[in-house]
């Protein structure tokens, strides 16, 4: 049973070191502007080529399925 405990501790340390940069990134950016990534637009307010393409693709598939 000692092997499982040692493995748990080692894996916890590895996870802490792996996620430390993410935590530091979040800490720095929330400290500077009180928002995670600064001023951003809410989703859906600005036109996007990718969103328009996805909407057209979904509409195309829905039309094909409705005709069957």
PDB file of N, CA and C in Angstrom:
ATOM      1  N   UNK A   1       0.822  -1.193   0.000  1.00  0.00           N
ATOM      2  CA  UNK A   1       0.000   0.000   0.000  1.00  0.00           C
ATOM      3  C   UNK A   1       0.862   1.252   0.000  1.00  0.00           C
ATOM      4  N   UNK A   2       2.080   1.145   0.444  1.00  0.00           N
ATOM      5  CA  UNK A   2       2.971   2.300   0.460  1.00  0.00           C
ATOM      6  C   UNK A   2       3.299   2.771  -0.949  1.00  0.00           C
ATOM      7  N   UNK A   3       3.327   1.842  -1.902  1.00  0.00           N
ATOM      8  CA  UNK A   3       3.613   2.205  -3.288  1.00  0.00           C
ATOM      9  C   UNK A   3       2.540   3.102  -3.882  1.00  0.00           C
ATOM     10  N   UNK A   4       1.296   2.824  -3.522  1.00  0.00           N
ATOM     11  CA  UNK A   4       0.186   3.634  -4.028  1.00  0.00           C
ATOM     12  C   UNK A   4       0.265   5.040  -3.458  1.00  0.00           C
ATOM     13  N   UNK A   5       0.586   5.162  -2.187  1.00  0.00           N
ATOM     14  CA  UNK A   5       0.707   6.471  -1.548  1.00  0.00           C
ATOM     15  C   UNK A   5       1.846   7.265  -2.174  1.00  0.00           C
ATOM     16  N   UNK A   6       2.986   6.616  -2.383  1.00  0.00           N
ATOM     17  CA  UNK A   6       4.124   7.303  -3.007  1.00  0.00           C
ATOM     18  C   UNK A   6       3.773   7.745  -4.422  1.00  0.00           C
ATOM     19  N   UNK A   7       3.086   6.891  -5.172  1.00  0.00           N
ATOM     20  CA  UNK A   7       2.683   7.239  -6.535  1.00  0.00           C
ATOM     21  C   UNK A   7       1.730   8.428  -6.516  1.00  0.00           C
ATOM     22  N   UNK A   8       0.800   8.443  -5.571  1.00  0.00           N
ATOM     23  CA  UNK A   8      -0.146   9.556  -5.452  1.00  0.00           C
ATOM     24  C   UNK A   8       0.589  10.865  -5.190  1.00  0.00           C
ATOM     25  N   UNK A   9       1.550  10.843  -4.289  1.00  0.00           N
ATOM     26  CA  UNK A   9       2.306  12.053  -3.960  1.00  0.00           C
ATOM     27  C   UNK A   9       3.118  12.529  -5.163  1.00  0.00           C
ATOM     28  N   UNK A  10       3.770  11.599  -5.851  1.00  0.00           N
ATOM     29  CA  UNK A  10       4.577  11.963  -7.020  1.00  0.00           C
ATOM     30  C   UNK A  10       3.686  12.540  -8.119  1.00  0.00           C
ATOM     31  N   UNK A  11       2.552  11.924  -8.370  1.00  0.00           N
ATOM     32  CA  UNK A  11       1.650  12.420  -9.411  1.00  0.00           C
ATOM     33  C   UNK A  11       1.069  13.786  -9.041  1.00  0.00           C
ATOM     34  N   UNK A  12       0.813  14.023  -7.769  1.00  0.00           N
ATOM     35  CA  UNK A  12       0.329  15.324  -7.329  1.00  0.00           C
ATOM     36  C   UNK A  12       1.389  16.393  -7.557  1.00  0.00           C
ATOM     37  N   UNK A  13       2.640  16.083  -7.270  1.00  0.00           N
ATOM     38  CA  UNK A  13       3.725  17.043  -7.516  1.00  0.00           C
ATOM     39  C   UNK A  13       3.876  17.322  -9.009  1.00  0.00           C
ATOM     40  N   UNK A  14       3.801  16.292  -9.824  1.00  0.00           N
ATOM     41  CA  UNK A  14       3.904  16.480 -11.279  1.00  0.00           C
ATOM     42  C   UNK A  14       2.764  17.368 -11.777  1.00  0.00           C
ATOM     43  N   UNK A  15       1.563  17.128 -11.302  1.00  0.00           N
ATOM     44  CA  UNK A  15       0.416  17.937 -11.712  1.00  0.00           C
ATOM     45  C   UNK A  15       0.575  19.383 -11.266  1.00  0.00           C
ATOM     46  N   UNK A  16       1.089  19.600 -10.067  1.00  0.00           N
ATOM     47  CA  UNK A  16       1.289  20.961  -9.570  1.00  0.00           C
ATOM     48  C   UNK A  16       2.283  21.711 -10.453  1.00  0.00           C
ATOM     49  N   UNK A  17       3.376  21.062 -10.825  1.00  0.00           N
ATOM     50  CA  UNK A  17       4.356  21.711 -11.698  1.00  0.00           C
ATOM     51  C   UNK A  17       3.806  21.905 -13.110  1.00  0.00           C
ATOM     52  N   UNK A  18       2.977  20.996 -13.573  1.00  0.00           N
ATOM     53  CA  UNK A  18       2.429  21.098 -14.923  1.00  0.00           C
ATOM     54  C   UNK A  18       1.434  22.250 -15.040  1.00  0.00           C
ATOM     55  N   UNK A  19       0.630  22.486 -14.002  1.00  0.00           N
ATOM     56  CA  UNK A  19      -0.389  23.513 -14.064  1.00  0.00           C
ATOM     57  C   UNK A  19       0.044  24.840 -13.447  1.00  0.00           C
ATOM     58  N   UNK A  20       1.246  24.922 -12.926  1.00  0.00           N
ATOM     59  CA  UNK A  20       1.734  26.176 -12.354  1.00  0.00           C
ATOM     60  C   UNK A  20       1.774  27.305 -13.379  1.00  0.00           C
ATOM     61  N   UNK A  21       2.246  27.096 -14.620  1.00  0.00           N
ATOM     62  CA  UNK A  21       2.229  28.206 -15.584  1.00  0.00           C
ATOM     63  C   UNK A  21       0.827  28.714 -15.889  1.00  0.00           C
ATOM     64  N   UNK A  22      -0.150  27.827 -15.951  1.00  0.00           N
ATOM     65  CA  UNK A  22      -1.525  28.247 -16.185  1.00  0.00           C
ATOM     66  C   UNK A  22      -2.027  29.111 -15.033  1.00  0.00           C
ATOM     67  N   UNK A  23      -1.752  28.685 -13.818  1.00  0.00           N
ATOM     68  CA  UNK A  23      -2.159  29.465 -12.654  1.00  0.00           C
ATOM     69  C   UNK A  23      -1.488  30.825 -12.625  1.00  0.00           C
ATOM     70  N   UNK A  24      -0.225  30.877 -12.991  1.00  0.00           N
ATOM     71  CA  UNK A  24       0.501  32.154 -13.022  1.00  0.00           C
ATOM     72  C   UNK A  24      -0.083  33.061 -14.097  1.00  0.00           C
ATOM     73  N   UNK A  25      -0.398  32.505 -15.261  1.00  0.00           N
ATOM     74  CA  UNK A  25      -1.003  33.275 -16.345  1.00  0.00           C
ATOM     75  C   UNK A  25      -2.320  33.889 -15.886  1.00  0.00           C
ATOM     76  N   UNK A  26      -3.170  33.085 -15.285  1.00  0.00           N
ATOM     77  CA  UNK A  26      -4.467  33.579 -14.812  1.00  0.00           C
ATOM     78  C   UNK A  26      -4.273  34.641 -13.741  1.00  0.00           C
ATOM     79  N   UNK A  27      -3.355  34.416 -12.829  1.00  0.00           N
ATOM     80  CA  UNK A  27      -3.074  35.374 -11.757  1.00  0.00           C
ATOM     81  C   UNK A  27      -2.620  36.713 -12.332  1.00  0.00           C
ATOM     82  N   UNK A  28      -1.660  36.705 -13.258  1.00  0.00           N
ATOM     83  CA  UNK A  28      -1.122  37.946 -13.809  1.00  0.00           C
ATOM     84  C   UNK A  28      -2.177  38.743 -14.557  1.00  0.00           C
ATOM     85  N   UNK A  29      -2.970  38.080 -15.392  1.00  0.00           N
ATOM     86  CA  UNK A  29      -3.915  38.816 -16.204  1.00  0.00           C
ATOM     87  C   UNK A  29      -5.130  39.282 -15.417  1.00  0.00           C
ATOM     88  N   UNK A  30      -5.517  38.577 -14.382  1.00  0.00           N
ATOM     89  CA  UNK A  30      -6.625  39.073 -13.572  1.00  0.00           C
ATOM     90  C   UNK A  30      -6.160  40.170 -12.643  1.00  0.00           C
ATOM     91  N   UNK A  31      -4.897  40.175 -12.263  1.00  0.00           N
ATOM     92  CA  UNK A  31      -4.355  41.211 -11.387  1.00  0.00           C
ATOM     93  C   UNK A  31      -4.267  42.554 -12.118  1.00  0.00           C
ATOM     94  N   UNK A  32      -3.929  42.520 -13.400  1.00  0.00           N
ATOM     95  CA  UNK A  32      -3.718  43.747 -14.159  1.00  0.00           C
ATOM     96  C   UNK A  32      -5.036  44.450 -14.479  1.00  0.00           C
ATOM     97  N   UNK A  33      -6.042  43.713 -14.961  1.00  0.00           N
ATOM     98  CA  UNK A  33      -7.232  44.392 -15.460  1.00  0.00           C
ATOM     99  C   UNK A  33      -8.543  43.902 -14.852  1.00  0.00           C
ATOM    100  N   UNK A  34      -8.496  43.044 -13.886  1.00  0.00           N
ATOM    101  CA  UNK A  34      -9.696  42.472 -13.268  1.00  0.00           C
ATOM    102  C   UNK A  34     -10.537  41.659 -14.244  1.00  0.00           C
ATOM    103  N   UNK A  35     -10.019  41.421 -15.433  1.00  0.00           N
ATOM    104  CA  UNK A  35     -10.671  40.558 -16.409  1.00  0.00           C
ATOM    105  C   UNK A  35      -9.617  39.576 -16.894  1.00  0.00           C
ATOM    106  N   UNK A  36      -9.991  38.332 -17.161  1.00  0.00           N
ATOM    107  CA  UNK A  36      -8.983  37.331 -17.516  1.00  0.00           C
ATOM    108  C   UNK A  36      -8.164  37.688 -18.749  1.00  0.00           C
ATOM    109  N   UNK A  37      -8.783  38.226 -19.783  1.00  0.00           N
ATOM    110  CA  UNK A  37      -8.053  38.514 -21.011  1.00  0.00           C
ATOM    111  C   UNK A  37      -8.246  39.956 -21.467  1.00  0.00           C
ATOM    112  N   UNK A  38      -8.528  40.861 -20.567  1.00  0.00           N
ATOM    113  CA  UNK A  38      -8.693  42.253 -20.938  1.00  0.00           C
ATOM    114  C   UNK A  38     -10.064  42.507 -21.526  1.00  0.00           C
ATOM    115  N   UNK A  39     -10.181  43.572 -22.299  1.00  0.00           N
ATOM    116  CA  UNK A  39     -11.457  43.920 -22.918  1.00  0.00           C
ATOM    117  C   UNK A  39     -11.684  43.059 -24.150  1.00  0.00           C
ATOM    118  N   UNK A  40     -12.734  42.287 -24.117  1.00  0.00           N
ATOM    119  CA  UNK A  40     -13.090  41.453 -25.264  1.00  0.00           C
ATOM    120  C   UNK A  40     -14.560  41.673 -25.566  1.00  0.00           C
ATOM    121  N   UNK A  41     -14.940  41.410 -26.822  1.00  0.00           N
ATOM    122  CA  UNK A  41     -16.334  41.539 -27.200  1.00  0.00           C
ATOM    123  C   UNK A  41     -17.095  40.285 -26.794  1.00  0.00           C
ATOM    124  N   UNK A  42     -18.335  40.455 -26.392  1.00  0.00           N
ATOM    125  CA  UNK A  42     -19.148  39.273 -26.096  1.00  0.00           C
ATOM    126  C   UNK A  42     -19.340  38.447 -27.371  1.00  0.00           C
ATOM    127  N   UNK A  43     -19.528  37.171 -27.207  1.00  0.00           N
ATOM    128  CA  UNK A  43     -19.699  36.295 -28.360  1.00  0.00           C
ATOM    129  C   UNK A  43     -20.984  36.625 -29.098  1.00  0.00           C
ATOM    130  N   UNK A  44     -20.894  36.610 -30.407  1.00  0.00           N
ATOM    131  CA  UNK A  44     -22.067  36.818 -31.236  1.00  0.00           C
ATOM    132  C   UNK A  44     -22.290  38.257 -31.650  1.00  0.00           C
ATOM    133  N   UNK A  45     -21.524  39.207 -31.155  1.00  0.00           N
ATOM    134  CA  UNK A  45     -21.725  40.598 -31.509  1.00  0.00           C
ATOM    135  C   UNK A  45     -21.005  41.001 -32.785  1.00  0.00           C
ATOM    136  N   UNK A  46     -19.958  40.301 -33.147  1.00  0.00           N
ATOM    137  CA  UNK A  46     -19.205  40.668 -34.338  1.00  0.00           C
ATOM    138  C   UNK A  46     -19.310  39.556 -35.377  1.00  0.00           C
ATOM    139  N   UNK A  47     -19.347  39.935 -36.664  1.00  0.00           N
ATOM    140  CA  UNK A  47     -19.429  38.907 -37.709  1.00  0.00           C
ATOM    141  C   UNK A  47     -18.135  38.100 -37.789  1.00  0.00           C
ATOM    142  N   UNK A  48     -18.282  36.843 -38.124  1.00  0.00           N
ATOM    143  CA  UNK A  48     -17.130  35.965 -38.219  1.00  0.00           C
ATOM    144  C   UNK A  48     -17.292  35.067 -39.427  1.00  0.00           C
ATOM    145  N   UNK A  49     -16.226  34.933 -40.213  1.00  0.00           N
ATOM    146  CA  UNK A  49     -16.262  34.067 -41.391  1.00  0.00           C
ATOM    147  C   UNK A  49     -16.502  32.624 -40.970  1.00  0.00           C
ATOM    148  N   UNK A  50     -15.872  32.208 -39.889  1.00  0.00           N
ATOM    149  CA  UNK A  50     -16.025  30.831 -39.415  1.00  0.00           C
ATOM    150  C   UNK A  50     -17.457  30.571 -38.964  1.00  0.00           C
ATOM    151  N   UNK A  51     -18.034  31.520 -38.220  1.00  0.00           N
ATOM    152  CA  UNK A  51     -19.413  31.341 -37.761  1.00  0.00           C
ATOM    153  C   UNK A  51     -20.386  31.293 -38.930  1.00  0.00           C
ATOM    154  N   UNK A  52     -20.180  32.165 -39.911  1.00  0.00           N
ATOM    155  CA  UNK A  52     -21.062  32.168 -41.076  1.00  0.00           C
ATOM    156  C   UNK A  52     -20.950  30.856 -41.848  1.00  0.00           C
ATOM    157  N   UNK A  53     -19.731  30.359 -42.027  1.00  0.00           N
ATOM    158  CA  UNK A  53     -19.537  29.080 -42.717  1.00  0.00           C
ATOM    159  C   UNK A  53     -20.211  27.943 -41.955  1.00  0.00           C
ATOM    160  N   UNK A  54     -20.059  27.940 -40.635  1.00  0.00           N
ATOM    161  CA  UNK A  54     -20.673  26.890 -39.819  1.00  0.00           C
ATOM    162  C   UNK A  54     -22.191  26.950 -39.916  1.00  0.00           C
ATOM    163  N   UNK A  55     -22.752  28.161 -39.899  1.00  0.00           N
ATOM    164  CA  UNK A  55     -24.202  28.293 -40.020  1.00  0.00           C
ATOM    165  C   UNK A  55     -24.692  27.788 -41.376  1.00  0.00           C
ATOM    166  N   UNK A  56     -23.935  28.108 -42.441  1.00  0.00           N
ATOM    167  CA  UNK A  56     -24.317  27.630 -43.777  1.00  0.00           C
ATOM    168  C   UNK A  56     -24.231  26.108 -43.853  1.00  0.00           C
ATOM    169  N   UNK A  57     -23.183  25.532 -43.260  1.00  0.00           N
ATOM    170  CA  UNK A  57     -23.024  24.079 -43.279  1.00  0.00           C
ATOM    171  C   UNK A  57     -24.145  23.396 -42.506  1.00  0.00           C
ATOM    172  N   UNK A  58     -24.505  23.932 -41.362  1.00  0.00           N
ATOM    173  CA  UNK A  58     -25.589  23.360 -40.555  1.00  0.00           C
ATOM    174  C   UNK A  58     -26.911  23.456 -41.312  1.00  0.00           C
ATOM    175  N   UNK A  59     -27.154  24.617 -41.921  1.00  0.00           N
ATOM    176  CA  UNK A  59     -28.390  24.799 -42.689  1.00  0.00           C
ATOM    177  C   UNK A  59     -28.439  23.818 -43.867  1.00  0.00           C
ATOM    178  N   UNK A  60     -27.303  23.603 -44.540  1.00  0.00           N
ATOM    179  CA  UNK A  60     -27.238  22.670 -45.662  1.00  0.00           C
ATOM    180  C   UNK A  60     -27.579  21.248 -45.204  1.00  0.00           C
ATOM    181  N   UNK A  61     -26.993  20.827 -44.094  1.00  0.00           N
ATOM    182  CA  UNK A  61     -27.249  19.480 -43.580  1.00  0.00           C
ATOM    183  C   UNK A  61     -28.704  19.349 -43.147  1.00  0.00           C
ATOM    184  N   UNK A  62     -29.238  20.381 -42.500  1.00  0.00           N
ATOM    185  CA  UNK A  62     -30.638  20.323 -42.081  1.00  0.00           C
ATOM    186  C   UNK A  62     -31.571  20.229 -43.278  1.00  0.00           C
ATOM    187  N   UNK A  63     -31.264  20.968 -44.345  1.00  0.00           N
ATOM    188  CA  UNK A  63     -32.096  20.899 -45.553  1.00  0.00           C
ATOM    189  C   UNK A  63     -32.034  19.512 -46.185  1.00  0.00           C
ATOM    190  N   UNK A  64     -30.840  18.935 -46.232  1.00  0.00           N
ATOM    191  CA  UNK A  64     -30.681  17.587 -46.801  1.00  0.00           C
ATOM    192  C   UNK A  64     -31.436  16.543 -45.987  1.00  0.00           C
ATOM    193  N   UNK A  65     -31.377  16.665 -44.669  1.00  0.00           N
ATOM    194  CA  UNK A  65     -32.078  15.712 -43.805  1.00  0.00           C
ATOM    195  C   UNK A  65     -33.595  15.897 -43.873  1.00  0.00           C
ATOM    196  N   UNK A  66     -34.048  17.123 -44.061  1.00  0.00           N
ATOM    197  CA  UNK A  66     -35.476  17.381 -44.115  1.00  0.00           C
ATOM    198  C   UNK A  66     -36.094  16.849 -45.406  1.00  0.00           C
ATOM    199  N   UNK A  67     -35.317  16.777 -46.475  1.00  0.00           N
ATOM    200  CA  UNK A  67     -35.837  16.313 -47.763  1.00  0.00           C
ATOM    201  C   UNK A  67     -36.006  14.796 -47.796  1.00  0.00           C
ATOM    202  N   UNK A  68     -35.311  14.076 -46.927  1.00  0.00           N
ATOM    203  CA  UNK A  68     -35.405  12.610 -46.939  1.00  0.00           C
ATOM    204  C   UNK A  68     -36.655  12.117 -46.307  1.00  0.00           C
TER     205      UNK A  68
END
